[in-house]
Amino acid sequence: MALARDIGLRVPGASLFQIGHHDLYVVERFDRQVLPERVAQVHQEDFSRH
């Protein structure tokens, strides 16, 4: 993600966490927008569904 950001691509926030013996890579949702009164879903086209 850092490399993509460094070359100018828009990328979501991402972090590494460890819970017990498990390493986690957590990525911020790209299909939600936080508004003052609610969280709105951002429309996404998904061409992988049949």
C-alpha atoms as a PDB file:
ATOM      1  CA  MET A   1       0.000   0.000   0.000  1.00  0.00           C
ATOM      2  CA  ALA A   2       2.825   2.392   0.808  1.00  0.00           C
ATOM      3  CA  LEU A   3       4.429   1.798  -2.590  1.00  0.00           C
ATOM      4  CA  ALA A   4       1.113   2.390  -4.362  1.00  0.00           C
ATOM      5  CA  ARG A   5       0.648   5.627  -2.393  1.00  0.00           C
ATOM      6  CA  ASP A   6       4.237   6.684  -3.172  1.00  0.00           C
ATOM      7  CA  ILE A   7       3.615   6.430  -6.922  1.00  0.00           C
ATOM      8  CA  GLY A   8       0.442   8.507  -6.672  1.00  0.00           C
ATOM      9  CA  LEU A   9      -2.347   5.933  -6.459  1.00  0.00           C
ATOM     10  CA  ARG A  10      -5.227   6.539  -4.064  1.00  0.00           C
ATOM     11  CA  VAL A  11      -5.186   3.771  -1.458  1.00  0.00           C
ATOM     12  CA  PRO A  12      -7.124   3.145   1.745  1.00  0.00           C
ATOM     13  CA  GLY A  13      -5.489   3.266   5.135  1.00  0.00           C
ATOM     14  CA  ALA A  14      -3.946  -0.023   6.230  1.00  0.00           C
ATOM     15  CA  SER A  15      -2.298  -1.275   9.418  1.00  0.00           C
ATOM     16  CA  LEU A  16      -0.606  -4.376  10.763  1.00  0.00           C
ATOM     17  CA  PHE A  17      -1.799  -5.805  14.079  1.00  0.00           C
ATOM     18  CA  GLN A  18      -0.982  -8.876  16.104  1.00  0.00           C
ATOM     19  CA  ILE A  19      -3.545 -10.663  18.252  1.00  0.00           C
ATOM     20  CA  GLY A  20      -2.015 -13.555  20.123  1.00  0.00           C
ATOM     21  CA  HIS A  21       0.020 -15.484  17.569  1.00  0.00           C
ATOM     22  CA  HIS A  22      -1.983 -14.142  14.620  1.00  0.00           C
ATOM     23  CA  ASP A  23      -0.720 -11.371  12.353  1.00  0.00           C
ATOM     24  CA  LEU A  24      -3.505  -9.231  10.886  1.00  0.00           C
ATOM     25  CA  TYR A  25      -3.486  -6.888   7.922  1.00  0.00           C
ATOM     26  CA  VAL A  26      -6.416  -4.499   8.368  1.00  0.00           C
ATOM     27  CA  VAL A  27      -7.561  -2.314   5.479  1.00  0.00           C
ATOM     28  CA  GLU A  28      -9.972   0.602   5.794  1.00  0.00           C
ATOM     29  CA  ARG A  29     -13.237   0.004   3.937  1.00  0.00           C
ATOM     30  CA  PHE A  30     -13.344   1.784   0.597  1.00  0.00           C
ATOM     31  CA  ASP A  31     -17.102   1.444   0.084  1.00  0.00           C
ATOM     32  CA  ARG A  32     -18.262   3.540   3.050  1.00  0.00           C
ATOM     33  CA  GLN A  33     -18.273   7.276   3.661  1.00  0.00           C
ATOM     34  CA  VAL A  34     -18.508   8.575   7.219  1.00  0.00           C
ATOM     35  CA  LEU A  35     -20.931  11.491   7.425  1.00  0.00           C
ATOM     36  CA  PRO A  36     -21.778  13.515  10.560  1.00  0.00           C
ATOM     37  CA  GLU A  37     -25.173  11.806  10.967  1.00  0.00           C
ATOM     38  CA  ARG A  38     -24.499   8.310   9.530  1.00  0.00           C
ATOM     39  CA  VAL A  39     -22.241   6.008   7.577  1.00  0.00           C
ATOM     40  CA  ALA A  40     -23.232   5.922   3.902  1.00  0.00           C
ATOM     41  CA  GLN A  41     -22.555   3.105   1.481  1.00  0.00           C
ATOM     42  CA  VAL A  42     -20.723   4.210  -1.673  1.00  0.00           C
ATOM     43  CA  HIS A  43     -22.069   2.493  -4.798  1.00  0.00           C
ATOM     44  CA  GLN A  44     -19.634  -0.022  -6.285  1.00  0.00           C
ATOM     45  CA  GLU A  45     -19.925  -1.984  -9.514  1.00  0.00           C
ATOM     46  CA  ASP A  46     -18.979  -5.619  -9.088  1.00  0.00           C
ATOM     47  CA  PHE A  47     -18.499  -7.386 -12.401  1.00  0.00           C
ATOM     48  CA  SER A  48     -17.342 -10.639 -10.802  1.00  0.00           C
ATOM     49  CA  ARG A  49     -20.863 -11.647  -9.818  1.00  0.00           C
ATOM     50  CA  HIS A  50     -22.933 -13.687 -12.233  1.00  0.00           C
END
